[in-house]
Amino acid sequence: MLTSPRTQFFSYFYLFGIFLLAISLPWSNFLMSNAQIILLLAWLLGGDLSGKIKQFSNNKTAIVISSVFILHVIGLAYTSDLNYGLEDVKKKIPLMLLPLIFSTSPPLSKKLFKRVVSVFVVSVITATLVCFYILLGYTDKQILQPQQASVFISHIRFGLLISMSVFILGYFFITKKSVLHKVFIPILIIWLVMFLIMMESATGLICTIVVAVLLLFGFILKTKNVILKFSLMMLFFLGCFFTVKVFSFIIDKLNNVTAIDKEQLPLLTKNGNPYTHDTISQDIENGNYVWLFVCEKELAEEWNKKSPMHYYGKDLSGNEIKYTLIRFLSSK
């Protein structure tokens, strides 16, 4: 690479955009957009655009990634909601922009790449700590569902970033030799996995589990010691077997309906008020039919004694309270 002042300036400008992008990913769509603009400017002002386009056209991986954006653009011809389609295409611009820039820019050195990745992981961990603080209720932000603790970006994307950070930390744990890294990194990994559980991030947890299983399986296949390979393979399949059995037990328990003789259902409550029994509905909560043993007169009276939110009103999410209450009591 040339060392002229102009080249150095655009190199630093490009690096600034990369670090800003790494930092902003778990925090701000606005900063992330600005980082992409900086990267694009550095790419454009760096010159040799025709050479870069030719280099991009020879990079199959970059073309495949960018083709996802092109498919969305083509899809505009078939959309029934053009405004939504244009907004969706605008969100997908990074799928075209980033492969183009990164595949035609000088590659980062291994040392510099590790610094960028480290900055990204630190940023994600810091974001989880802030979101945990919000989740605990120490701010004025009302959290109705654990996923809403992700106040900066979509909880789905945040979960994926956390999952990615887990495996980056795992790589650092393997490659770093210092005792501090060997002690501190597992703590960070445990924290990130716990936060995924607390945030109830199904996407993040599923991705983490699937990738971990695939990596473990790959490690087993690469092990040259036959006895160790056989032992690990047995443990792997036993672990998969017991995991499937546990999930099957949980699912069966949730779907196993308590036997009810519909002909012997009581007509009145202990207070003499009539029950409503919907014997046609198959809605189930925790193995119990939802719409049996319903007496809204008593439910409304007792609920309104306990809560300032009226029984026939709606909660902060816009859901009717009475239906949530009936399902909750059925689950018990």
Protein backbone atom coordinates (compact mmCIF):
# COMPACT_ATOMS: atom_id res chain seq x y z
CA MET A 1 0.00 0.00 0.00
CA LEU A 2 1.28 3.52 -0.89
CA THR A 3 2.14 5.78 2.02
CA SER A 4 1.28 9.15 0.46
CA PRO A 5 -0.56 11.64 2.75
CA ARG A 6 -3.72 11.29 0.61
CA THR A 7 -3.68 7.50 0.85
CA GLN A 8 -3.02 7.59 4.59
CA PHE A 9 -5.88 10.03 5.11
CA PHE A 10 -8.42 7.81 3.33
CA SER A 11 -7.06 4.74 5.13
CA TYR A 12 -7.64 6.39 8.50
CA PHE A 13 -11.04 7.65 7.32
CA TYR A 14 -11.94 4.09 6.27
CA LEU A 15 -10.75 2.67 9.59
CA PHE A 16 -12.75 5.27 11.49
CA GLY A 17 -15.88 4.13 9.63
CA ILE A 18 -15.19 0.47 10.45
CA PHE A 19 -14.67 1.15 14.18
CA LEU A 20 -17.76 3.38 14.29
CA LEU A 21 -19.78 0.62 12.63
CA ALA A 22 -18.49 -1.98 15.12
CA ILE A 23 -19.37 0.26 18.08
CA SER A 24 -22.79 1.37 16.83
CA LEU A 25 -24.19 -2.05 15.82
CA PRO A 26 -25.84 -2.77 19.22
CA TRP A 27 -26.65 0.86 19.96
CA SER A 28 -27.93 3.04 17.17
CA ASN A 29 -29.30 2.69 13.65
CA PHE A 30 -28.50 6.37 13.13
CA LEU A 31 -24.81 5.96 14.00
CA MET A 32 -24.68 2.77 11.96
CA SER A 33 -26.02 4.64 8.93
CA ASN A 34 -23.44 7.39 9.44
CA ALA A 35 -20.68 4.77 9.65
CA GLN A 36 -21.80 3.34 6.31
CA ILE A 37 -21.81 6.82 4.76
CA ILE A 38 -18.24 7.36 6.00
CA LEU A 39 -17.18 4.02 4.54
CA LEU A 40 -18.83 4.86 1.21
CA LEU A 41 -17.15 8.29 1.07
CA ALA A 42 -13.75 6.75 1.85
CA TRP A 43 -14.37 4.15 -0.85
CA LEU A 44 -15.41 6.74 -3.46
CA LEU A 45 -12.69 9.27 -2.69
CA GLY A 46 -10.06 6.54 -2.61
CA GLY A 47 -10.22 6.48 -6.42
CA ASP A 48 -9.79 3.69 -9.00
CA LEU A 49 -13.53 3.01 -9.11
CA SER A 50 -13.36 1.04 -12.34
CA GLY A 51 -10.72 -1.25 -10.85
CA LYS A 52 -12.81 -1.71 -7.73
CA ILE A 53 -15.93 -2.59 -9.73
CA LYS A 54 -13.93 -5.16 -11.70
CA GLN A 55 -12.53 -6.60 -8.45
CA PHE A 56 -16.07 -6.82 -7.04
CA SER A 57 -17.37 -8.60 -10.16
CA ASN A 58 -14.72 -11.30 -9.64
CA ASN A 59 -15.64 -11.88 -5.99
CA LYS A 60 -18.33 -14.57 -5.99
CA THR A 61 -19.04 -14.35 -2.26
CA ALA A 62 -19.63 -10.58 -2.40
CA ILE A 63 -21.90 -10.98 -5.44
CA VAL A 64 -24.00 -13.69 -3.74
CA ILE A 65 -24.52 -11.50 -0.65
CA SER A 66 -25.35 -8.46 -2.77
CA SER A 67 -27.82 -10.47 -4.87
CA VAL A 68 -30.15 -10.58 -1.83
CA PHE A 69 -30.55 -6.81 -2.18
CA ILE A 70 -31.12 -7.13 -5.94
CA LEU A 71 -33.88 -9.69 -5.32
CA HIS A 72 -35.62 -7.19 -3.03
CA VAL A 73 -35.39 -4.53 -5.73
CA ILE A 74 -36.87 -6.92 -8.31
CA GLY A 75 -39.62 -7.73 -5.81
CA LEU A 76 -40.85 -4.13 -6.02
CA ALA A 77 -42.43 -5.02 -9.36
CA TYR A 78 -44.70 -7.53 -7.60
CA THR A 79 -45.46 -5.78 -4.31
CA SER A 80 -49.00 -4.71 -3.46
CA ASP A 81 -47.67 -2.01 -1.10
CA LEU A 82 -45.06 0.07 -2.90
CA ASN A 83 -44.39 2.37 0.06
CA TYR A 84 -43.64 -0.57 2.34
CA GLY A 85 -41.55 -2.18 -0.40
CA LEU A 86 -39.43 0.96 -0.87
CA GLU A 87 -38.92 1.24 2.88
CA ASP A 88 -37.85 -2.41 3.02
CA VAL A 89 -35.40 -1.91 0.15
CA LYS A 90 -33.95 1.12 1.90
CA LYS A 91 -33.28 -1.02 4.98
CA LYS A 92 -31.55 -3.63 2.82
CA ILE A 93 -29.08 -1.17 1.23
CA PRO A 94 -26.22 -2.38 3.53
CA LEU A 95 -26.56 -5.83 1.88
CA MET A 96 -25.35 -4.18 -1.33
CA LEU A 97 -23.12 -1.47 0.09
CA LEU A 98 -20.95 -3.32 2.61
CA PRO A 99 -19.98 -6.33 0.42
CA LEU A 100 -19.03 -3.88 -2.33
CA ILE A 101 -16.86 -1.75 -0.01
CA PHE A 102 -15.20 -4.52 1.98
CA SER A 103 -14.46 -6.79 -0.99
CA THR A 104 -12.72 -4.00 -2.92
CA SER A 105 -10.84 -2.31 -0.07
CA PRO A 106 -7.41 -3.31 1.28
CA PRO A 107 -7.89 -6.14 3.85
CA LEU A 108 -7.26 -5.37 7.49
CA SER A 109 -4.22 -6.89 9.15
CA LYS A 110 -4.93 -9.75 11.56
CA LYS A 111 -4.00 -7.54 14.53
CA LEU A 112 -6.26 -4.71 13.40
CA PHE A 113 -9.13 -7.08 12.64
CA LYS A 114 -8.93 -8.48 16.18
CA ARG A 115 -9.09 -4.94 17.55
CA VAL A 116 -12.23 -4.19 15.54
CA VAL A 117 -13.85 -7.43 16.73
CA SER A 118 -12.81 -6.72 20.33
CA VAL A 119 -14.37 -3.24 20.15
CA PHE A 120 -17.58 -4.83 18.81
CA VAL A 121 -17.72 -7.35 21.68
CA VAL A 122 -17.07 -4.67 24.32
CA SER A 123 -19.83 -2.55 22.77
CA VAL A 124 -22.30 -5.46 22.86
CA ILE A 125 -21.45 -6.33 26.48
CA THR A 126 -21.86 -2.69 27.51
CA ALA A 127 -25.24 -2.56 25.76
CA THR A 128 -26.39 -5.70 27.63
CA LEU A 129 -25.44 -4.09 30.96
CA VAL A 130 -27.42 -0.94 30.13
CA CYS A 131 -30.41 -2.99 28.96
CA PHE A 132 -30.22 -5.12 32.12
CA TYR A 133 -30.31 -1.93 34.19
CA ILE A 134 -33.46 -0.92 32.29
CA LEU A 135 -34.94 -4.41 32.66
CA LEU A 136 -34.56 -4.18 36.44
CA GLY A 137 -36.81 -1.11 36.40
CA TYR A 138 -34.30 1.56 37.45
CA THR A 139 -35.47 3.91 34.70
CA ASP A 140 -38.80 5.44 33.68
CA LYS A 141 -38.96 3.11 30.68
CA GLN A 142 -41.94 0.76 31.03
CA ILE A 143 -41.00 -2.83 30.17
CA LEU A 144 -44.06 -4.98 29.51
CA GLN A 145 -42.14 -7.87 27.97
CA PRO A 146 -38.49 -8.90 28.51
CA GLN A 147 -37.73 -8.35 24.81
CA GLN A 148 -38.54 -4.66 25.25
CA ALA A 149 -35.40 -4.29 27.34
CA SER A 150 -33.61 -4.00 23.98
CA VAL A 151 -34.37 -0.31 23.74
CA PHE A 152 -31.72 0.63 21.18
CA ILE A 153 -32.29 -1.81 18.30
CA SER A 154 -34.59 -4.70 17.40
CA HIS A 155 -34.45 -7.43 20.05
CA ILE A 156 -34.04 -10.02 17.28
CA ARG A 157 -30.95 -8.30 15.88
CA PHE A 158 -29.63 -7.66 19.39
CA GLY A 159 -29.99 -11.36 20.20
CA LEU A 160 -28.03 -12.28 17.07
CA LEU A 161 -25.26 -9.80 17.96
CA ILE A 162 -25.04 -11.29 21.46
CA SER A 163 -24.86 -14.79 20.00
CA MET A 164 -22.05 -13.69 17.67
CA SER A 165 -20.19 -12.16 20.62
CA VAL A 166 -20.40 -15.45 22.53
CA PHE A 167 -18.49 -17.27 19.79
CA ILE A 168 -15.99 -14.45 19.31
CA LEU A 169 -15.22 -14.68 23.03
CA GLY A 170 -14.95 -18.45 22.66
CA TYR A 171 -12.34 -17.94 19.94
CA PHE A 172 -10.42 -15.52 22.16
CA PHE A 173 -10.57 -18.04 25.01
CA ILE A 174 -8.94 -20.68 22.81
CA THR A 175 -6.28 -18.40 21.29
CA LYS A 176 -5.36 -16.24 24.27
CA LYS A 177 -2.80 -17.68 26.68
CA SER A 178 -2.94 -15.35 29.68
CA VAL A 179 -4.57 -16.49 32.93
CA LEU A 180 -6.66 -13.30 33.01
CA HIS A 181 -8.28 -14.19 29.69
CA LYS A 182 -8.85 -17.81 30.75
CA VAL A 183 -10.71 -16.63 33.88
CA PHE A 184 -12.48 -13.52 32.63
CA ILE A 185 -13.75 -14.67 29.22
CA PRO A 186 -15.90 -17.60 30.54
CA ILE A 187 -17.57 -15.15 32.94
CA LEU A 188 -18.45 -12.87 30.02
CA ILE A 189 -19.79 -15.80 27.98
CA ILE A 190 -21.97 -16.95 30.90
CA TRP A 191 -23.27 -13.40 31.33
CA LEU A 192 -24.22 -13.06 27.65
CA VAL A 193 -26.03 -16.42 27.61
CA MET A 194 -27.84 -15.51 30.85
CA PHE A 195 -28.89 -12.19 29.35
CA LEU A 196 -30.31 -13.98 26.29
CA ILE A 197 -32.36 -16.11 28.68
CA MET A 198 -33.50 -13.10 30.71
CA MET A 199 -34.47 -11.24 27.54
CA GLU A 200 -36.26 -14.39 26.30
CA SER A 201 -34.47 -14.03 22.97
CA ALA A 202 -35.57 -17.21 21.19
CA THR A 203 -33.63 -16.28 18.03
CA GLY A 204 -30.40 -15.61 19.92
CA LEU A 205 -30.67 -18.75 22.04
CA ILE A 206 -31.53 -21.03 19.11
CA CYS A 207 -28.65 -19.66 17.02
CA THR A 208 -26.25 -20.06 19.94
CA ILE A 209 -27.30 -23.64 20.61
CA VAL A 210 -27.27 -24.69 16.94
CA VAL A 211 -23.84 -23.18 16.25
CA ALA A 212 -22.43 -24.62 19.49
CA VAL A 213 -23.69 -28.10 18.57
CA LEU A 214 -22.22 -27.84 15.06
CA LEU A 215 -18.86 -26.65 16.39
CA LEU A 216 -18.79 -29.45 18.96
CA PHE A 217 -19.62 -32.01 16.28
CA GLY A 218 -16.89 -30.59 14.03
CA PHE A 219 -14.38 -30.78 16.88
CA ILE A 220 -15.29 -34.42 17.50
CA LEU A 221 -14.80 -35.30 13.84
CA LYS A 222 -11.37 -33.64 13.77
CA THR A 223 -10.16 -35.43 16.91
CA LYS A 224 -7.53 -37.98 15.88
CA ASN A 225 -7.53 -40.00 19.11
CA VAL A 226 -9.96 -42.85 18.34
CA ILE A 227 -10.89 -43.52 21.99
CA LEU A 228 -11.45 -39.82 22.69
CA LYS A 229 -13.45 -39.43 19.47
CA PHE A 230 -15.68 -42.39 20.34
CA SER A 231 -16.21 -41.14 23.92
CA LEU A 232 -17.06 -37.61 22.78
CA MET A 233 -19.35 -38.96 20.08
CA MET A 234 -21.23 -41.04 22.63
CA LEU A 235 -21.55 -38.04 24.96
CA PHE A 236 -22.72 -35.90 22.05
CA PHE A 237 -25.49 -38.28 21.01
CA LEU A 238 -26.50 -38.94 24.62
CA GLY A 239 -26.74 -35.20 25.18
CA CYS A 240 -28.89 -34.80 22.05
CA PHE A 241 -31.06 -37.74 23.12
CA PHE A 242 -31.71 -36.42 26.64
CA THR A 243 -32.31 -32.90 25.31
CA VAL A 244 -34.96 -34.21 22.92
CA LYS A 245 -36.52 -36.27 25.73
CA VAL A 246 -36.67 -33.27 28.07
CA PHE A 247 -38.28 -31.05 25.43
CA SER A 248 -40.71 -33.83 24.51
CA PHE A 249 -41.66 -34.20 28.18
CA ILE A 250 -42.24 -30.45 28.53
CA ILE A 251 -44.31 -30.28 25.34
CA ASP A 252 -46.37 -33.32 26.33
CA LYS A 253 -46.97 -31.84 29.76
CA LEU A 254 -48.13 -28.55 28.29
CA ASN A 255 -50.40 -30.25 25.77
CA ASN A 256 -51.62 -33.07 28.00
CA VAL A 257 -55.17 -31.97 28.81
CA THR A 258 -56.66 -32.71 32.22
CA ALA A 259 -59.57 -35.12 31.76
CA ILE A 260 -62.95 -33.44 32.26
CA ASP A 261 -66.38 -35.06 32.27
CA LYS A 262 -68.30 -32.38 30.38
CA GLU A 263 -71.61 -33.87 31.48
CA GLN A 264 -70.78 -33.37 35.17
CA LEU A 265 -69.56 -29.74 35.04
CA PRO A 266 -71.01 -27.68 37.93
CA LEU A 267 -73.53 -25.04 36.97
CA LEU A 268 -72.98 -22.63 39.88
CA THR A 269 -69.99 -21.26 41.80
CA LYS A 270 -69.77 -21.54 45.59
CA ASN A 271 -71.35 -18.08 45.75
CA GLY A 272 -74.31 -19.19 43.66
CA ASN A 273 -73.33 -17.39 40.46
CA PRO A 274 -73.64 -19.25 37.13
CA TYR A 275 -70.56 -20.69 35.42
CA THR A 276 -69.97 -20.42 31.69
CA HIS A 277 -68.54 -23.61 30.15
CA ASP A 278 -67.47 -23.43 26.52
CA THR A 279 -67.10 -27.13 25.76
CA ILE A 280 -66.44 -26.52 22.05
CA SER A 281 -63.31 -24.39 22.36
CA GLN A 282 -60.04 -26.36 22.40
CA ASP A 283 -57.89 -23.52 23.82
CA ILE A 284 -55.49 -24.93 26.41
CA GLU A 285 -53.20 -23.34 28.98
CA ASN A 286 -50.80 -25.62 30.86
CA GLY A 287 -53.01 -28.66 30.27
CA ASN A 288 -56.28 -26.97 31.28
CA TYR A 289 -59.19 -25.91 29.08
CA VAL A 290 -59.31 -22.10 29.11
CA TRP A 291 -63.03 -21.51 28.74
CA LEU A 292 -64.41 -23.84 31.40
CA PHE A 293 -65.37 -22.66 34.92
CA VAL A 294 -65.67 -19.01 33.85
CA CYS A 295 -67.72 -16.64 35.96
CA GLU A 296 -67.07 -13.12 34.74
CA LYS A 297 -69.29 -11.51 37.39
CA GLU A 298 -67.01 -12.76 40.19
CA LEU A 299 -63.84 -12.23 38.16
CA ALA A 300 -64.72 -8.59 37.50
CA GLU A 301 -65.67 -7.90 41.13
CA GLU A 302 -62.51 -9.43 42.61
CA TRP A 303 -60.15 -8.06 39.97
CA ASN A 304 -61.44 -4.49 40.34
CA LYS A 305 -60.84 -4.71 44.09
CA LYS A 306 -57.17 -5.51 43.51
CA SER A 307 -56.21 -3.53 40.41
CA PRO A 308 -56.61 0.10 39.28
CA MET A 309 -56.89 -1.22 35.70
CA HIS A 310 -60.52 -2.12 35.04
CA TYR A 311 -61.46 -5.71 34.25
CA TYR A 312 -63.14 -4.66 31.00
CA GLY A 313 -60.28 -2.33 30.07
CA LYS A 314 -57.02 -2.87 28.23
CA ASP A 315 -53.44 -3.21 29.43
CA LEU A 316 -50.54 -1.03 28.30
CA SER A 317 -50.00 -3.27 25.27
CA GLY A 318 -53.59 -2.82 24.12
CA ASN A 319 -54.72 -6.34 25.10
CA GLU A 320 -58.07 -6.85 26.84
CA ILE A 321 -57.34 -7.56 30.49
CA LYS A 322 -60.17 -10.04 31.03
CA TYR A 323 -58.85 -12.46 28.41
CA THR A 324 -55.32 -12.32 29.82
CA LEU A 325 -56.68 -12.94 33.33
CA ILE A 326 -58.83 -15.89 32.27
CA ARG A 327 -55.92 -17.55 30.44
CA PHE A 328 -53.59 -16.92 33.37
CA LEU A 329 -55.98 -18.42 35.92
CA SER A 330 -56.59 -21.39 33.62
CA SER A 331 -52.85 -22.04 33.48
CA LYS A 332 -52.81 -22.28 37.29
